[in-house]
Protein backbone atom coordinates (compact mmCIF):
# COMPACT_ATOMS: atom_id res chain seq x y z
CA MET A 1 -3.81 16.15 -17.82
CA MET A 2 -6.29 17.59 -15.35
CA PRO A 3 -8.53 15.40 -13.24
CA GLU A 4 -12.29 15.35 -13.22
CA LEU A 5 -13.39 16.11 -9.65
CA THR A 6 -15.75 13.68 -7.99
CA LYS A 7 -16.40 12.09 -4.62
CA VAL A 8 -16.11 8.70 -3.01
CA ARG A 9 -18.75 8.79 -0.32
CA ASP A 10 -17.76 12.10 1.40
CA LEU A 11 -14.12 12.02 0.33
CA ARG A 12 -12.73 14.26 -2.37
CA ALA A 13 -11.48 12.41 -5.46
CA GLY A 14 -10.19 12.90 -8.93
CA ILE A 15 -10.41 10.85 -12.15
CA TRP A 16 -7.67 11.08 -14.77
CA VAL A 17 -8.61 9.94 -18.32
CA PRO A 18 -5.89 9.84 -21.01
CA ALA A 19 -6.95 11.71 -24.12
CA ASP A 20 -4.70 9.67 -26.47
CA HIS A 21 -6.05 6.24 -25.65
CA PRO A 22 -9.23 4.79 -27.34
CA GLN A 23 -12.09 4.31 -25.03
CA PRO A 24 -13.49 2.42 -23.26
CA LEU A 25 -10.51 1.81 -20.93
CA PRO A 26 -9.92 -0.35 -17.90
CA GLY A 27 -10.27 1.51 -14.63
CA LEU A 28 -7.57 1.71 -11.94
CA VAL A 29 -8.28 2.83 -8.38
CA VAL A 30 -5.11 3.86 -6.54
CA VAL A 31 -5.13 2.61 -2.92
CA ASP A 32 -2.70 4.77 -0.88
CA GLY A 33 -0.20 3.48 1.68
CA SER A 34 0.17 4.54 5.34
CA GLY A 35 0.00 8.07 6.73
CA ASP A 36 -1.72 11.13 5.35
CA GLY A 37 -2.75 11.26 1.74
CA ALA A 38 -4.82 13.75 -0.26
CA PHE A 39 -5.72 12.94 -3.86
CA ASP A 40 -3.95 16.08 -5.15
CA ASP A 41 -0.73 15.27 -3.31
CA PHE A 42 0.26 12.77 -5.97
CA GLY A 43 1.72 15.23 -8.39
CA ASP A 44 1.89 13.81 -11.96
CA TRP A 45 1.81 10.20 -10.76
CA PRO A 46 -1.94 9.64 -11.57
CA ALA A 47 -1.46 11.15 -15.06
CA ARG A 48 1.47 8.85 -15.69
CA LEU A 49 -0.54 5.87 -14.59
CA ALA A 50 -3.36 6.99 -16.86
CA GLY A 51 -0.74 7.15 -19.69
CA CYS A 52 -0.30 3.42 -19.23
CA GLY A 53 -3.79 2.98 -20.56
CA ALA A 54 -6.40 3.37 -17.77
CA ALA A 55 -8.87 5.72 -16.27
CA VAL A 56 -7.41 6.39 -12.87
CA LEU A 57 -9.20 7.35 -9.66
CA VAL A 58 -7.40 8.65 -6.56
CA HIS A 59 -9.28 9.87 -3.42
CA ASP A 60 -8.45 11.54 -0.16
CA LYS A 61 -7.80 9.47 2.90
CA PRO A 62 -10.16 10.50 5.67
CA GLY A 63 -8.97 13.66 7.46
CA CYS A 64 -6.77 14.67 4.51
CA GLY A 65 -7.28 17.40 1.92
CA GLY A 66 -10.25 18.78 3.75
CA SER A 67 -12.14 15.47 3.70
CA PRO A 68 -13.91 14.50 6.98
CA GLY A 69 -12.95 11.79 9.43
CA HIS A 70 -9.46 10.50 10.11
CA TRP A 71 -7.55 7.55 8.72
CA THR A 72 -6.29 6.55 12.14
CA ASP A 73 -9.86 5.45 13.01
CA GLN A 74 -9.84 2.92 10.18
CA THR A 75 -9.00 -0.77 10.09
CA ILE A 76 -7.92 -2.73 6.98
CA ASP A 77 -11.51 -3.89 6.67
CA ASP A 78 -12.73 -0.29 6.75
CA ARG A 79 -10.32 0.75 4.08
CA ALA A 80 -11.32 -2.28 1.91
CA GLU A 81 -15.01 -1.17 2.12
CA GLU A 82 -13.94 2.34 1.13
CA THR A 83 -11.96 1.00 -1.76
CA LEU A 84 -14.90 -0.97 -3.12
CA ALA A 85 -17.00 2.20 -2.93
CA ALA A 86 -14.29 3.97 -5.03
CA MET A 87 -14.44 1.17 -7.60
CA ALA A 88 -18.19 1.61 -7.84
CA VAL A 89 -17.68 5.32 -8.66
CA LEU A 90 -15.16 4.52 -11.40
CA ARG A 91 -17.31 1.78 -12.91
CA ARG A 92 -20.00 4.40 -13.58
CA HIS A 93 -17.65 6.66 -15.52
CA PRO A 94 -18.32 6.63 -19.24
CA ALA A 95 -14.62 6.18 -20.08
CA VAL A 96 -14.71 2.74 -18.49
CA ALA A 97 -18.07 1.47 -19.93
CA GLY A 98 -18.04 -2.14 -18.99
CA ARG A 99 -14.28 -2.65 -19.00
CA PRO A 100 -12.53 -4.24 -15.96
CA VAL A 101 -11.82 -2.07 -12.90
CA GLY A 102 -8.96 -3.01 -10.59
CA LEU A 103 -6.73 -1.73 -7.89
CA LEU A 104 -3.19 -0.41 -7.58
CA GLY A 105 -2.27 -0.87 -3.89
CA ILE A 106 0.78 1.09 -2.82
CA SER A 107 2.63 -0.35 0.24
CA GLN A 108 -0.04 -0.75 2.97
CA GLY A 109 -2.51 -0.24 0.19
CA GLY A 110 -1.50 -3.67 -1.04
CA TRP A 111 -3.05 -5.29 2.04
CA VAL A 112 -6.17 -3.25 1.54
CA SER A 113 -6.38 -4.28 -2.11
CA LEU A 114 -6.05 -7.96 -1.36
CA ARG A 115 -8.70 -7.69 1.37
CA ALA A 116 -11.06 -5.85 -1.00
CA ALA A 117 -10.48 -8.44 -3.74
CA ALA A 118 -11.25 -11.26 -1.34
CA GLN A 119 -14.71 -9.85 -0.53
CA GLY A 120 -15.94 -7.82 -3.51
CA PRO A 121 -16.05 -7.43 -7.31
CA VAL A 122 -12.41 -6.60 -8.14
CA ASP A 123 -11.35 -7.43 -11.67
CA PHE A 124 -7.50 -7.24 -11.10
CA VAL A 125 -4.99 -6.16 -8.47
CA VAL A 126 -1.56 -4.61 -8.87
CA THR A 127 0.49 -4.33 -5.65
CA LEU A 128 3.42 -1.93 -5.57
CA SER A 129 5.71 -2.85 -2.64
CA GLY A 130 2.71 -4.45 -0.90
CA PRO A 131 4.08 -6.96 1.64
CA GLY A 132 3.05 -10.60 1.53
CA VAL A 133 3.40 -10.71 5.31
CA GLY A 134 1.31 -8.85 7.83
CA PRO A 135 1.89 -5.48 9.55
CA ALA A 136 3.43 -7.07 12.64
CA ALA A 137 6.04 -9.04 10.68
CA GLN A 138 6.70 -6.16 8.32
CA GLU A 139 7.19 -3.70 11.14
CA ARG A 140 9.56 -6.12 12.91
CA VAL A 141 11.70 -6.39 9.76
CA ARG A 142 11.70 -2.65 9.29
CA ILE A 143 12.86 -1.97 12.83
CA GLU A 144 15.51 -4.69 12.76
CA ARG A 145 16.98 -3.37 9.53
CA GLU A 146 17.02 0.25 10.71
CA LEU A 147 18.75 -0.77 13.97
CA GLN A 148 21.37 -2.73 12.10
CA TYR A 149 21.88 0.13 9.65
CA ASP A 150 22.32 2.48 12.60
CA GLY A 151 25.10 0.31 14.00
CA VAL A 152 23.23 -0.91 17.13
CA SER A 153 24.93 -3.93 18.62
CA ALA A 154 23.55 -7.44 18.08
CA ALA A 155 22.68 -7.71 21.79
CA ASP A 156 20.79 -4.47 21.78
CA VAL A 157 18.97 -5.46 18.59
CA ARG A 158 17.83 -8.67 20.27
CA GLU A 159 16.60 -6.65 23.29
CA ALA A 160 14.76 -4.22 21.00
CA LEU A 161 13.05 -6.96 19.08
CA GLY A 162 12.06 -8.65 22.33
CA TRP A 163 10.22 -5.49 23.28
CA VAL A 164 8.75 -5.12 19.74
CA ASP A 165 7.31 -8.65 20.03
CA GLU A 166 5.94 -8.03 23.55
CA ARG A 167 4.41 -4.67 22.40
CA THR A 168 2.71 -6.38 19.46
CA ARG A 169 1.27 -8.99 21.78
CA ARG A 170 -0.03 -6.42 24.21
CA LEU A 171 -1.61 -4.33 21.50
CA ILE A 172 -3.24 -7.27 19.81
CA ASP A 173 -4.56 -8.44 23.13
CA GLY A 174 -6.23 -5.08 23.63
CA GLU A 175 -4.15 -3.53 26.34
CA PRO A 176 -4.78 0.25 26.47
CA VAL A 177 -2.20 2.05 24.34
CA THR A 178 -1.49 4.52 27.16
CA ASP A 179 -0.39 1.61 29.34
CA VAL A 180 1.82 0.20 26.56
CA ILE A 181 3.42 3.62 26.06
CA ALA A 182 3.98 4.01 29.77
CA HIS A 183 5.67 0.62 29.95
CA GLN A 184 7.69 1.45 26.87
CA SER A 185 9.10 4.60 28.42
CA ARG A 186 11.11 2.45 30.82
CA PHE A 187 13.44 1.75 27.90
CA ALA A 188 14.07 5.42 27.11
CA ASP A 189 17.78 5.13 27.84
CA ARG A 190 18.35 2.23 25.53
CA PRO A 191 20.35 2.85 22.31
CA TRP A 192 17.54 1.31 20.27
CA PHE A 193 14.68 3.30 21.82
CA THR A 194 14.18 6.02 19.21
CA ILE A 195 14.13 3.66 16.22
CA ALA A 196 12.10 0.93 17.89
CA THR A 197 9.39 3.35 19.06
CA GLN A 198 9.07 5.35 15.83
CA HIS A 199 5.28 5.42 14.98
CA PHE A 200 4.62 3.71 18.29
CA ASP A 201 5.06 6.78 20.52
CA ASP A 202 1.79 8.59 19.88
CA PRO A 203 -1.56 7.33 21.28
CA ALA A 204 -3.56 7.99 18.12
CA THR A 205 -1.06 6.33 15.81
CA MET A 206 -0.52 3.42 18.19
CA ARG A 207 -4.25 2.95 18.47
CA PHE A 208 -4.44 2.72 14.65
CA LEU A 209 -1.59 0.23 14.56
CA ALA A 210 -3.22 -1.82 17.28
CA GLY A 211 -6.19 -2.22 14.99
CA ILE A 212 -4.22 -3.60 12.03
CA LEU A 213 -1.28 -5.54 13.53
CA ALA A 214 -3.12 -8.87 13.53
CA PHE A 215 -4.01 -8.62 9.83
CA ASP A 216 -2.52 -11.41 7.75
CA PRO A 217 -2.78 -11.14 3.96
CA VAL A 218 -2.14 -14.88 3.57
CA ARG A 219 -5.55 -15.51 5.23
CA TYR A 220 -7.28 -13.74 2.31
CA MET A 221 -5.11 -14.64 -0.65
CA PRO A 222 -6.95 -17.91 -1.40
CA ASP A 223 -10.21 -15.94 -1.78
CA VAL A 224 -8.67 -13.64 -4.46
CA THR A 225 -9.79 -14.97 -7.83
CA CYS A 226 -8.78 -12.09 -10.15
CA PRO A 227 -5.39 -11.61 -11.90
CA VAL A 228 -2.67 -10.23 -9.56
CA LEU A 229 0.57 -8.46 -10.50
CA ALA A 230 2.87 -8.10 -7.49
CA LEU A 231 5.81 -5.72 -7.91
CA PHE A 232 8.77 -5.25 -5.56
CA GLY A 233 12.07 -3.41 -5.32
CA ALA A 234 15.00 -5.60 -4.48
CA ALA A 235 16.49 -2.83 -2.31
CA ASP A 236 13.28 -2.11 -0.42
CA PRO A 237 14.35 -1.48 3.20
CA LEU A 238 10.78 -1.75 4.53
CA VAL A 239 9.44 -5.01 3.08
CA PRO A 240 10.79 -8.57 3.48
CA VAL A 241 10.80 -9.19 -0.28
CA PRO A 242 11.77 -12.91 -0.46
CA GLU A 243 9.12 -13.88 2.09
CA SER A 244 6.55 -11.72 0.27
CA VAL A 245 7.31 -13.34 -3.09
CA VAL A 246 6.87 -16.79 -1.51
CA ALA A 247 3.60 -15.76 0.02
CA PHE A 248 2.12 -14.48 -3.25
CA ALA A 249 3.45 -17.43 -5.22
CA THR A 250 2.09 -19.97 -2.73
CA HIS A 251 -1.24 -18.76 -1.40
CA LEU A 252 -3.09 -17.08 -4.29
CA ARG A 253 -5.56 -19.28 -6.10
CA GLU A 254 -4.22 -18.34 -9.57
CA THR A 255 -0.53 -17.98 -10.40
CA PRO A 256 0.26 -14.26 -10.10
CA GLY A 257 2.64 -12.12 -12.07
CA ILE A 258 5.60 -11.28 -9.82
CA ALA A 259 8.53 -8.97 -10.57
CA VAL A 260 11.41 -7.85 -8.36
CA PHE A 261 13.26 -4.90 -9.84
CA PRO A 262 17.06 -4.82 -9.12
CA GLY A 263 18.22 -1.80 -7.21
CA ALA A 264 14.74 -0.36 -6.69
CA ASP A 265 13.51 0.91 -3.34
CA HIS A 266 10.13 0.95 -1.71
CA GLY A 267 8.71 3.34 -4.32
CA LEU A 268 10.36 1.35 -7.12
CA PHE A 269 12.88 4.16 -7.65
CA THR A 270 16.51 3.31 -8.41
CA ALA A 271 18.06 6.56 -7.29
CA PRO A 272 17.40 9.27 -4.72
CA PRO A 273 15.55 12.42 -5.83
CA ASP A 274 17.57 14.53 -8.27
CA PRO A 275 16.23 18.08 -8.93
CA THR A 276 17.73 17.95 -12.42
CA ARG A 277 15.69 14.85 -13.42
CA SER A 278 12.02 13.94 -13.49
CA ARG A 279 11.26 11.52 -10.70
CA ALA A 280 9.44 9.33 -13.18
CA ASP A 281 12.76 8.90 -15.09
CA GLN A 282 14.18 7.32 -11.97
CA LEU A 283 11.61 4.56 -11.76
CA ALA A 284 12.88 1.00 -12.19
CA PRO A 285 13.38 0.25 -15.87
CA GLY A 286 10.56 -1.92 -17.15
CA PHE A 287 8.05 -0.98 -14.42
CA LEU A 288 5.81 1.31 -16.53
CA PRO A 289 5.97 -0.93 -19.66
CA MET A 290 5.08 -3.93 -17.49
CA LEU A 291 2.10 -2.05 -16.05
CA THR A 292 1.08 -0.92 -19.53
CA GLY A 293 1.12 -4.53 -20.80
CA PHE A 294 -0.87 -5.77 -17.89
CA LEU A 295 -3.50 -3.04 -18.30
CA ALA A 296 -3.67 -3.70 -22.05
CA ALA A 297 -4.48 -7.35 -21.41
CA ARG A 298 -7.23 -6.28 -19.01
CA GLY A 299 -8.62 -3.77 -21.62
CA LEU A 300 -9.32 -6.73 -23.89
CA GLU A 301 -11.59 -8.25 -21.32
CA ARG A 302 -15.24 -7.34 -20.57
CA VAL A 303 -17.13 -7.65 -17.31
């Protein structure tokens, strides 16, 4: 299945429309996670999503795939506005024709999707490993788990998390990132330094993180009125899954669909990559059928 090329503002984008599904179809905008992301870096993932019964739009992140700008200059609010613009493009596609258009937020894209749904016309949201806690809390959990996995002593983990908390406060308070990095370098001899400073050792990336660390999805959940399906992997090393489930179950206005897939990781895969198998075959059993059923229910609705 080849995408139709289009644009979201000045960002390259593609739309995948399944040929074997009757139209009109619900629309699904994929909201990428952290880091670089070009729309044609997703392999067959958009086509597989389209095969679940939706017209699927994926676009470049700024600065990726030849698109202008750079994603490190964006806040969560900026990305939410961009996401709503992508939805407007997909709503105009003839394959959608008045059917609901929603979001699939992957990891950090889950925060963006909730923020967009709290402020604009979003008909449904699916989050895939989208934390129910904010970036500061999620990063703290990630670092703590990586330190423990690496065998760092409990005392050193406590010291590391003390710095992580202080660094977060400094960045949220607006301290120049170069000053924070300079102070951080005093800990270069600590056994936790490499892990605790990953993603926080480059001025551009740290400046981006400083702009999103204070974001709290719980603040926006009560303003989300559309159906939500929140999907998690029980073995996700990056997301505090129990706390996220509680947040979604407690703070959304309508009761969401929530599923935690046993043995699944951050990408909802249940095994590491195997060159002899399709990566899609390693997805958590039940994930694609669940998404298909959710989209089918949306396809019966009109907007």
